[in-house]
Protein backbone atom coordinates (compact mmCIF):
# COMPACT_ATOMS: atom_id res chain seq x y z
CA UNK A 1 -11.63 29.65 -3.23
CA UNK A 2 -12.60 27.19 -0.47
CA UNK A 3 -12.33 23.49 -1.16
CA UNK A 4 -15.57 21.60 -0.71
CA UNK A 5 -14.43 17.98 -1.15
CA UNK A 6 -13.18 16.01 1.83
CA UNK A 7 -9.80 14.43 2.27
CA UNK A 8 -7.58 16.30 4.73
CA UNK A 9 -5.70 19.59 4.54
CA UNK A 10 -5.63 21.31 1.14
CA UNK A 11 -3.24 24.08 0.17
CA UNK A 12 -5.03 26.67 -1.95
CA UNK A 13 -2.37 29.35 -2.35
CA UNK A 14 1.21 29.95 -1.30
CA UNK A 15 2.91 33.32 -1.74
CA UNK A 16 6.45 34.18 -0.74
CA UNK A 17 7.85 37.71 -0.88
CA UNK A 18 11.40 37.96 0.36
CA UNK A 19 13.06 41.06 1.77
CA UNK A 20 15.11 41.53 -1.40
CA UNK A 21 11.99 41.90 -3.51
CA UNK A 22 11.83 38.40 -5.01
CA UNK A 23 8.29 37.03 -5.03
CA UNK A 24 6.62 33.75 -5.96
CA UNK A 25 2.96 32.80 -5.89
CA UNK A 26 1.38 29.40 -6.48
CA UNK A 27 -2.36 28.86 -6.90
CA UNK A 28 -2.88 25.16 -6.27
CA UNK A 29 -5.54 22.74 -7.43
CA UNK A 30 -7.04 20.79 -4.49
CA UNK A 31 -6.25 17.54 -6.33
CA UNK A 32 -3.08 17.68 -8.47
CA UNK A 33 -0.95 20.69 -9.41
CA UNK A 34 2.03 20.53 -11.76
CA UNK A 35 4.47 23.37 -11.10
CA UNK A 36 6.72 23.55 -14.13
CA UNK A 37 9.82 25.58 -14.88
CA UNK A 38 11.71 24.13 -11.91
CA UNK A 39 15.13 22.66 -12.61
CA UNK A 40 15.91 19.61 -10.43
CA UNK A 41 18.65 21.56 -8.65
CA UNK A 42 16.15 24.03 -7.15
CA UNK A 43 13.23 21.70 -6.40
CA UNK A 44 14.41 20.97 -2.87
CA UNK A 45 14.47 24.69 -2.14
CA UNK A 46 11.01 25.26 -3.63
CA UNK A 47 9.58 22.38 -1.59
CA UNK A 48 11.01 23.90 1.58
CA UNK A 49 9.54 27.31 0.71
CA UNK A 50 6.06 25.85 0.16
CA UNK A 51 6.11 23.80 3.36
CA UNK A 52 7.55 26.69 5.38
CA UNK A 53 4.46 28.72 4.51
CA UNK A 54 2.38 26.27 6.55
CA UNK A 55 4.19 27.12 9.76
CA UNK A 56 7.01 29.61 10.36
CA UNK A 57 7.90 32.71 12.31
CA UNK A 58 9.70 34.24 9.31
CA UNK A 59 8.02 37.17 7.52
CA UNK A 60 7.07 37.04 3.86
CA UNK A 61 5.46 33.60 3.90
CA UNK A 62 1.72 33.60 3.23
CA UNK A 63 -0.62 30.65 2.73
CA UNK A 64 -4.28 29.84 2.28
CA UNK A 65 -5.57 26.38 3.23
CA UNK A 66 -8.74 24.43 3.82
CA UNK A 67 -8.50 22.58 7.12
CA UNK A 68 -9.76 19.08 7.86
CA UNK A 69 -12.91 20.60 9.38
CA UNK A 70 -13.56 22.59 6.16
CA UNK A 71 -12.52 25.99 7.51
CA UNK A 72 -10.87 28.19 4.87
CA UNK A 73 -8.15 30.33 6.43
CA UNK A 74 -5.34 32.59 5.26
CA UNK A 75 -2.09 33.24 7.13
CA UNK A 76 -0.44 36.63 6.54
CA UNK A 77 3.14 37.23 7.69
CA UNK A 78 4.03 40.71 6.38
CA UNK A 79 7.44 42.33 6.87
CA UNK A 80 7.37 44.75 9.79
CA UNK A 81 3.75 44.07 10.79
CA UNK A 82 1.89 41.68 13.04
CA UNK A 83 1.27 38.21 11.66
CA UNK A 84 -2.30 36.97 11.69
CA UNK A 85 -4.69 34.27 10.45
CA UNK A 86 -8.08 35.24 9.02
CA UNK A 87 -11.13 33.05 8.39
CA UNK A 88 -11.71 33.94 4.73
CA UNK A 89 -15.38 32.94 4.82
CA UNK A 90 -16.51 35.47 7.43
CA UNK A 91 -13.44 37.68 7.95
CA UNK A 92 -12.91 36.71 11.61
CA UNK A 93 -9.45 36.95 13.14
CA UNK A 94 -8.63 33.37 14.23
CA UNK A 95 -4.95 33.95 14.95
CA UNK A 96 -5.18 32.57 18.47
CA UNK A 97 -6.31 29.19 17.16
CA UNK A 98 -3.15 28.77 15.09
CA UNK A 99 -0.55 30.35 17.39
CA UNK A 100 2.05 27.99 18.82
CA UNK A 101 3.51 28.04 22.33
CA UNK A 102 6.50 29.90 20.86
CA UNK A 103 4.23 32.63 19.52
CA UNK A 104 4.49 32.01 15.78
CA UNK A 105 1.77 30.91 13.36
CA UNK A 106 1.37 27.29 12.32
CA UNK A 107 -1.62 26.33 10.18
CA UNK A 108 -1.18 22.69 11.23
CA UNK A 109 -1.30 23.24 14.99
CA UNK A 110 -5.10 22.85 15.16
CA UNK A 111 -5.27 19.66 13.07
CA UNK A 112 -6.12 16.27 14.66
CA UNK A 113 -3.53 13.59 15.29
CA UNK A 114 0.15 13.77 16.21
CA UNK A 115 0.99 16.22 13.43
CA UNK A 116 4.40 17.06 11.98
CA UNK A 117 6.74 19.80 13.12
CA UNK A 118 8.64 22.01 10.70
CA UNK A 119 11.67 19.74 10.21
CA UNK A 120 9.49 16.64 9.91
CA UNK A 121 7.31 18.22 7.23
CA UNK A 122 10.11 18.44 4.72
CA UNK A 123 11.20 14.89 5.49
CA UNK A 124 7.69 13.42 5.26
CA UNK A 125 5.94 15.68 2.74
CA UNK A 126 8.68 16.10 0.14
CA UNK A 127 9.38 13.14 -2.15
CA UNK A 128 12.56 13.84 -4.08
CA UNK A 129 14.17 11.92 -6.93
CA UNK A 130 16.18 9.61 -4.60
CA UNK A 131 13.00 8.69 -2.70
CA UNK A 132 11.32 7.62 -5.94
CA UNK A 133 14.22 5.42 -6.99
CA UNK A 134 14.70 3.15 -3.96
CA UNK A 135 14.66 -0.60 -4.48
CA UNK A 136 11.70 -2.46 -3.06
CA UNK A 137 11.18 -6.23 -2.62
CA UNK A 138 7.74 -5.83 -4.20
CA UNK A 139 9.24 -4.53 -7.45
CA UNK A 140 9.70 -8.07 -8.79
CA UNK A 141 6.01 -8.80 -8.11
CA UNK A 142 4.89 -5.83 -10.21
CA UNK A 143 7.37 -6.68 -12.95
CA UNK A 144 6.01 -10.24 -13.09
CA UNK A 145 2.57 -8.77 -13.84
CA UNK A 146 3.71 -6.86 -16.92
CA UNK A 147 1.71 -7.96 -19.93
CA UNK A 148 -1.24 -9.10 -17.81
CA UNK A 149 -4.72 -7.63 -17.72
CA UNK A 150 -4.57 -5.57 -14.53
CA UNK A 151 -8.31 -5.75 -13.90
CA UNK A 152 -8.28 -9.53 -14.40
CA UNK A 153 -5.39 -9.89 -11.92
CA UNK A 154 -7.25 -7.89 -9.28
CA UNK A 155 -10.45 -9.89 -9.84
CA UNK A 156 -8.54 -13.18 -9.51
CA UNK A 157 -6.92 -11.98 -6.28
CA UNK A 158 -10.31 -11.01 -4.86
CA UNK A 159 -11.74 -14.40 -5.80
CA UNK A 160 -8.82 -16.29 -4.22
CA UNK A 161 -9.04 -14.31 -0.98
CA UNK A 162 -12.81 -14.76 -0.80
CA UNK A 163 -12.62 -18.50 -1.47
CA UNK A 164 -9.98 -19.00 1.21
CA UNK A 165 -12.01 -16.99 3.73
CA UNK A 166 -15.19 -18.94 3.00
CA UNK A 167 -13.32 -22.23 3.33
CA UNK A 168 -11.89 -21.27 6.71
CA UNK A 169 -15.35 -20.20 7.88
CA UNK A 170 -16.81 -23.52 6.69
CA UNK A 171 -14.11 -25.49 8.50
CA UNK A 172 -14.75 -23.61 11.75
CA UNK A 173 -18.51 -24.07 11.37
CA UNK A 174 -18.20 -27.79 10.65
CA UNK A 175 -15.87 -28.35 13.59
CA UNK A 176 -18.18 -26.39 15.91
CA UNK A 177 -21.28 -28.32 14.79
CA UNK A 178 -19.62 -31.67 15.43
CA UNK A 179 -17.48 -30.80 18.45
CA UNK A 180 -16.96 -33.35 21.28
CA UNK A 181 -19.41 -31.32 23.39
CA UNK A 182 -22.11 -32.04 20.80
CA UNK A 183 -21.18 -35.72 20.50
CA UNK A 184 -21.46 -37.68 23.78
CA UNK A 185 -18.44 -39.88 24.43
CA UNK A 186 -16.34 -38.37 21.64
CA UNK A 187 -12.71 -37.43 22.31
CA UNK A 188 -11.06 -34.33 20.86
CA UNK A 189 -8.53 -34.90 18.09
CA UNK A 190 -4.92 -34.58 19.34
CA UNK A 191 -3.70 -31.00 19.02
CA UNK A 192 -6.48 -29.92 16.69
CA UNK A 193 -8.66 -28.53 19.44
CA UNK A 194 -5.87 -26.42 20.91
CA UNK A 195 -6.41 -22.69 20.68
CA UNK A 196 -2.65 -22.17 20.44
CA UNK A 197 -2.40 -24.69 17.61
CA UNK A 198 -5.29 -23.10 15.70
CA UNK A 199 -3.82 -19.62 16.18
CA UNK A 200 -0.38 -20.76 15.03
CA UNK A 201 -1.78 -22.36 11.88
CA UNK A 202 -3.95 -19.32 11.11
CA UNK A 203 -1.06 -16.92 11.71
CA UNK A 204 1.29 -18.93 9.51
CA UNK A 205 -1.18 -19.22 6.64
CA UNK A 206 -2.31 -15.59 6.69
CA UNK A 207 1.00 -13.95 7.62
CA UNK A 208 1.42 -10.88 5.39
CA UNK A 209 4.08 -11.20 2.72
CA UNK A 210 4.26 -7.54 1.86
CA UNK A 211 7.36 -5.51 2.66
CA UNK A 212 6.74 -2.93 5.37
CA UNK A 213 6.17 0.54 3.83
CA UNK A 214 8.83 2.25 5.95
CA UNK A 215 11.31 -0.63 5.91
CA UNK A 216 11.90 -0.94 2.16
CA UNK A 217 14.64 1.67 1.94
CA UNK A 218 18.31 1.48 1.13
CA UNK A 219 20.39 -1.67 1.19
CA UNK A 220 18.75 -3.00 4.37
CA UNK A 221 15.33 -3.68 2.80
CA UNK A 222 16.25 -6.82 0.79
CA UNK A 223 18.09 -8.32 3.77
CA UNK A 224 15.14 -7.57 6.05
CA UNK A 225 12.77 -9.17 3.54
CA UNK A 226 14.94 -12.30 3.45
CA UNK A 227 15.03 -12.58 7.24
CA UNK A 228 11.26 -12.14 7.48
CA UNK A 229 10.66 -14.71 4.75
CA UNK A 230 13.10 -17.15 6.35
CA UNK A 231 11.40 -16.83 9.74
CA UNK A 232 7.99 -17.36 8.14
CA UNK A 233 9.26 -20.39 6.23
CA UNK A 234 10.85 -21.93 9.34
CA UNK A 235 7.60 -21.45 11.25
CA UNK A 236 5.64 -23.10 8.47
CA UNK A 237 8.07 -26.05 8.33
CA UNK A 238 7.61 -26.68 12.05
CA UNK A 239 3.84 -26.51 11.77
CA UNK A 240 3.84 -28.70 8.66
CA UNK A 241 5.97 -31.31 10.46
CA UNK A 242 3.54 -31.25 13.39
CA UNK A 243 0.47 -31.54 11.21
CA UNK A 244 2.10 -34.12 8.96
CA UNK A 245 2.61 -36.36 11.97
CA UNK A 246 -0.53 -35.58 13.92
CA UNK A 247 -3.31 -34.79 11.50
CA UNK A 248 -3.46 -38.13 9.62
CA UNK A 249 -3.74 -39.98 12.93
CA UNK A 250 -6.24 -37.43 14.23
CA UNK A 251 -8.30 -37.67 11.05
CA UNK A 252 -8.43 -41.47 11.22
CA UNK A 253 -9.40 -41.38 14.90
CA UNK A 254 -12.05 -38.75 14.26
CA UNK A 255 -13.50 -40.76 11.36
CA UNK A 256 -13.96 -43.74 13.68
CA UNK A 257 -14.93 -41.96 16.92
CA UNK A 258 -16.71 -38.76 15.92
CA UNK A 259 -17.63 -38.87 12.28
CA UNK A 260 -16.54 -37.93 8.77
CA UNK A 261 -17.15 -34.18 9.10
CA UNK A 262 -14.40 -33.59 11.65
CA UNK A 263 -12.13 -35.93 9.69
CA UNK A 264 -12.79 -33.86 6.57
CA UNK A 265 -12.07 -30.65 8.49
CA UNK A 266 -8.72 -32.02 9.65
CA UNK A 267 -7.81 -33.09 6.12
CA UNK A 268 -8.71 -29.64 4.77
CA UNK A 269 -6.56 -28.04 7.46
CA UNK A 270 -3.68 -30.29 6.42
CA UNK A 271 -4.14 -29.14 2.82
CA UNK A 272 -4.12 -25.48 3.87
CA UNK A 273 -1.01 -25.90 6.01
CA UNK A 274 0.86 -27.77 3.27
CA UNK A 275 -0.12 -25.11 0.75
CA UNK A 276 0.98 -22.41 3.18
CA UNK A 277 4.36 -24.06 3.48
CA UNK A 278 4.77 -24.10 -0.30
CA UNK A 279 3.81 -20.43 -0.49
CA UNK A 280 6.24 -19.54 2.32
CA UNK A 281 9.04 -21.30 0.49
CA UNK A 282 8.25 -19.46 -2.75
CA UNK A 283 8.37 -16.15 -0.89
CA UNK A 284 11.69 -17.10 0.69
CA UNK A 285 13.19 -17.99 -2.69
CA UNK A 286 11.94 -14.74 -4.17
CA UNK A 287 13.34 -12.64 -1.29
CA UNK A 288 16.73 -14.30 -1.59
CA UNK A 289 16.88 -13.66 -5.32
CA UNK A 290 16.10 -9.99 -4.70
CA UNK A 291 18.66 -9.54 -1.91
CA UNK A 292 22.03 -8.04 -2.71
CA UNK A 293 23.80 -10.79 -0.79
CA UNK A 294 21.92 -13.72 -2.34
CA UNK A 295 25.19 -15.57 -2.92
CA UNK A 296 25.67 -16.26 0.78
CA UNK A 297 22.15 -17.53 1.39
CA UNK A 298 20.83 -20.95 0.48
CA UNK A 299 17.07 -21.45 -0.12
CA UNK A 300 15.36 -24.07 1.95
CA UNK A 301 14.63 -27.35 0.14
CA UNK A 302 11.19 -27.52 -1.49
CA UNK A 303 8.34 -29.12 0.38
CA UNK A 304 6.13 -31.45 -1.63
CA UNK A 305 2.51 -32.32 -1.07
CA UNK A 306 1.86 -36.00 -0.32
CA UNK A 307 0.68 -36.80 -3.83
CA UNK A 308 2.26 -38.33 -6.88
CA UNK A 309 0.96 -35.71 -9.32
CA UNK A 310 1.66 -32.67 -7.13
CA UNK A 311 -2.03 -31.91 -6.57
CA UNK A 312 -3.58 -31.43 -3.17
CA UNK A 313 -4.93 -34.75 -1.83
CA UNK A 314 -8.68 -35.26 -2.03
CA UNK A 315 -10.57 -36.10 1.19
CA UNK A 316 -11.82 -39.69 1.39
CA UNK A 317 -15.04 -40.41 -0.49
CA UNK A 318 -16.75 -41.46 2.73
CA UNK A 319 -16.55 -37.85 3.89
CA UNK A 320 -17.62 -36.18 0.65
CA UNK A 321 -21.33 -36.41 1.36
CA UNK A 322 -21.12 -35.73 5.09
CA UNK A 323 -20.97 -31.98 4.71
CA UNK A 324 -21.69 -30.84 1.15
CA UNK A 325 -21.17 -27.15 2.01
CA UNK A 326 -17.66 -27.81 3.30
CA UNK A 327 -16.88 -30.00 0.31
CA UNK A 328 -18.10 -27.31 -2.08
CA UNK A 329 -16.04 -24.61 -0.37
CA UNK A 330 -12.94 -26.81 -0.48
CA UNK A 331 -13.42 -27.37 -4.22
CA UNK A 332 -14.04 -23.66 -4.76
CA UNK A 333 -10.90 -22.71 -2.85
CA UNK A 334 -8.78 -25.16 -4.83
CA UNK A 335 -10.13 -23.81 -8.12
CA UNK A 336 -9.65 -20.17 -7.10
CA UNK A 337 -6.09 -20.74 -5.90
CA UNK A 338 -5.26 -22.72 -9.05
CA UNK A 339 -6.65 -19.88 -11.18
CA UNK A 340 -4.67 -17.36 -9.17
CA UNK A 341 -1.43 -19.27 -9.71
CA UNK A 342 -2.11 -19.36 -13.45
CA UNK A 343 -2.70 -15.60 -13.48
CA UNK A 344 -0.01 -14.30 -11.12
CA UNK A 345 2.34 -17.09 -10.10
CA UNK A 346 3.71 -16.64 -6.57
CA UNK A 347 2.55 -13.03 -6.07
CA UNK A 348 0.46 -12.99 -2.84
CA UNK A 349 -3.19 -12.25 -3.64
CA UNK A 350 -3.50 -10.21 -0.45
CA UNK A 351 -0.74 -7.86 -1.66
CA UNK A 352 -2.46 -7.45 -5.03
CA UNK A 353 -5.77 -6.72 -3.32
CA UNK A 354 -4.18 -4.00 -1.18
CA UNK A 355 -2.26 -2.54 -4.15
CA UNK A 356 -4.88 -2.85 -6.86
CA UNK A 357 -4.24 0.65 -8.24
CA UNK A 358 -0.49 0.04 -8.49
CA UNK A 359 -1.05 -3.32 -10.20
CA UNK A 360 -3.32 -1.76 -12.82
CA UNK A 361 -0.84 1.04 -13.56
CA UNK A 362 2.18 -1.28 -13.85
CA UNK A 363 0.24 -3.56 -16.18
CA UNK A 364 -0.90 -0.61 -18.30
CA UNK A 365 2.67 0.71 -18.58
CA UNK A 366 3.82 -2.57 -20.18
CA UNK A 367 0.69 -4.13 -21.72
CA UNK A 368 2.66 -6.45 -24.01
CA UNK A 369 5.05 -7.54 -21.26
CA UNK A 370 8.05 -5.94 -22.95
CA UNK A 371 10.62 -4.50 -20.55
CA UNK A 372 11.34 -0.87 -21.35
CA UNK A 373 13.03 1.97 -19.50
CA UNK A 374 9.63 3.61 -18.97
CA UNK A 375 8.06 0.41 -17.61
CA UNK A 376 10.95 -0.02 -15.16
CA UNK A 377 10.72 3.63 -14.08
CA UNK A 378 6.95 3.49 -13.58
CA UNK A 379 7.22 0.33 -11.49
CA UNK A 380 9.86 1.77 -9.19
CA UNK A 381 8.20 5.20 -8.88
CA UNK A 382 4.83 3.61 -8.13
CA UNK A 383 6.34 1.80 -5.17
CA UNK A 384 8.12 4.95 -4.00
CA UNK A 385 4.84 6.86 -3.95
CA UNK A 386 2.94 4.01 -2.30
CA UNK A 387 5.64 3.56 0.34
CA UNK A 388 5.51 7.23 1.37
CA UNK A 389 1.70 7.41 1.33
CA UNK A 390 1.46 4.26 3.46
CA UNK A 391 3.97 5.66 5.93
CA UNK A 392 2.02 8.92 6.16
CA UNK A 393 -1.23 7.04 6.84
CA UNK A 394 0.47 5.24 9.72
CA UNK A 395 2.11 8.41 11.05
CA UNK A 396 -0.88 10.78 10.88
CA UNK A 397 -4.46 10.81 12.00
CA UNK A 398 -6.57 9.04 9.30
CA UNK A 399 -8.46 12.29 8.63
CA UNK A 400 -5.38 14.52 8.55
CA UNK A 401 -3.79 13.85 5.18
CA UNK A 402 -1.42 16.64 4.16
CA UNK A 403 -0.25 17.90 0.76
CA UNK A 404 2.54 15.76 -0.71
CA UNK A 405 5.16 17.46 -2.88
CA UNK A 406 6.79 15.19 -5.46
CA UNK A 407 9.72 15.66 -7.82
CA UNK A 408 8.28 14.95 -11.27
CA UNK A 409 7.48 11.21 -11.40
CA UNK A 410 6.37 11.55 -15.05
CA UNK A 411 9.72 12.88 -16.27
CA UNK A 412 11.29 10.87 -19.08
CA UNK A 413 8.40 8.42 -19.59
CA UNK A 414 6.89 7.44 -22.90
CA UNK A 415 3.34 8.59 -23.63
CA UNK A 416 1.72 5.34 -22.50
CA UNK A 417 3.59 5.17 -19.22
CA UNK A 418 3.08 8.88 -18.54
CA UNK A 419 -0.66 8.53 -19.04
CA UNK A 420 -0.86 5.49 -16.76
CA UNK A 421 1.15 7.04 -13.92
CA UNK A 422 -0.55 10.41 -14.37
CA UNK A 423 -3.98 8.86 -13.91
CA UNK A 424 -2.63 7.16 -10.78
CA UNK A 425 -1.69 10.58 -9.37
CA UNK A 426 -5.22 11.80 -10.09
CA UNK A 427 -6.68 8.72 -8.39
CA UNK A 428 -4.66 9.01 -5.18
CA UNK A 429 -5.33 12.76 -5.05
CA UNK A 430 -8.91 12.00 -4.07
CA UNK A 431 -7.50 11.68 -0.56
CA UNK A 432 -4.04 13.28 -0.73
CA UNK A 433 -3.31 16.57 -2.47
CA UNK A 434 -0.36 16.15 -4.85
CA UNK A 435 2.00 18.95 -5.97
CA UNK A 436 4.42 17.91 -8.74
CA UNK A 437 7.60 19.99 -9.23
CA UNK A 438 8.83 19.65 -12.80
CA UNK A 439 10.70 21.12 -15.75
CA UNK A 440 9.58 18.53 -18.30
CA UNK A 441 7.59 20.03 -21.22
CA UNK A 442 5.83 16.68 -21.76
CA UNK A 443 4.61 16.71 -18.15
CA UNK A 444 3.34 20.27 -18.60
CA UNK A 445 1.53 19.24 -21.78
CA UNK A 446 -0.09 16.30 -19.95
CA UNK A 447 -1.19 18.62 -17.12
CA UNK A 448 -2.69 21.14 -19.52
CA UNK A 449 -4.71 18.46 -21.32
CA UNK A 450 -5.92 16.95 -18.03
CA UNK A 451 -6.88 20.40 -16.74
CA UNK A 452 -9.17 20.84 -19.72
CA UNK A 453 -10.53 17.29 -19.58
CA UNK A 454 -11.24 16.82 -15.87
CA UNK A 455 -10.42 19.92 -13.85
CA UNK A 456 -8.62 17.66 -11.35
CA UNK A 457 -5.19 18.90 -12.49
CA UNK A 458 -3.82 22.42 -12.37
CA UNK A 459 -0.74 23.86 -14.07
CA UNK A 460 1.52 26.64 -12.77
CA UNK A 461 4.33 27.71 -15.11
CA UNK A 462 7.06 29.48 -13.16
CA UNK A 463 8.98 30.17 -16.35
CA UNK A 464 6.33 32.84 -16.94
CA UNK A 465 5.76 35.88 -14.66
CA UNK A 466 3.25 35.08 -11.90
CA UNK A 467 1.53 37.94 -10.04
CA UNK A 468 2.02 37.78 -6.28
């Protein structure tokens, strides 16, 4: 039946009848379908059969899909007869819409965006066991969050990001309200008014720490992460040296010439830059520890804040009352960042915010913080799924998500981990149809219970006869 919810292309049915008489039919749930009875040795072949039904010139491959625009169509490729595509809703022949330049039928040819050709579909839309078990620099971040309250971690990350954003906005506002143009005779602080300087500081502080979705594969990913972290750390060291020499002088001059507000803004910027340098160094140390060749790399020496107790310096009391809003935002940012460090250590809050679902699942798989085989497997498989989904979002039109076939990511997990990762599959299927190929009885049992509870999961048992 046609799919009414949005979220890209949805496979409704795939039927394959080969010349020798062998036949297979799969009726797929628009959200998640578990196809059981498939030994790992034949899953690659089944994935290729399903994806070939989307677009091929070979006879015997039939498919029904709902397109991005909501049109429900069926492609028929009978042996010895003309191939055609029918609009199931009104019975119209729409073959011409889906015919390629080579004359064969491709149900993806009318979809928006760059699309994927036949060879690319298997590479992009089939996630086999090796793809789920690739090391990722972010794995240590998720492991460090085992035993934490996933919801609390996400809330703390949101608070830290919001506090930092409000502080930056307050600094910009304060500087604009007391700029040299608004103060006759005032001179701009050295370097601080430079657009290039401001951009460099902003870029260094907000530079993303996450590994790139398509770069975290094989043995090259840890080395790439180290090089990126080292470059970020070197950039921060140069900026910190510049600000360490220039900002104190600029702040003193501004306090005398312009007023305490600009001086306070410069001091806050110095705090942000120093904190950014510390964060960059933590990321560099983490990347080196994760790299296979950590022995031949030496972490950069730690950078300390100019304070005896290790806390960020407090702006002079003469400036505290000059701009109460700025002072309040600075205090709020310090508290939020301190709370974040207590909750998650050196894990970047921006990464947690962007991977909130993965954080919650990893935390739920190991709620007491104990390392188990299931917790390790869930963490790695989560990142494998996220990496492929992120790559697909970059590769395809945002509205053209395609079905993703996955070798059973629930196989071998304990009940708690299976439930956590299974609910993750249901969550991501709101946008991306998921087809799980499995032979695990526990996965089939989970799918059957979810089918009764929510209707968002379907089960096809190929160990039983299926009518074509």
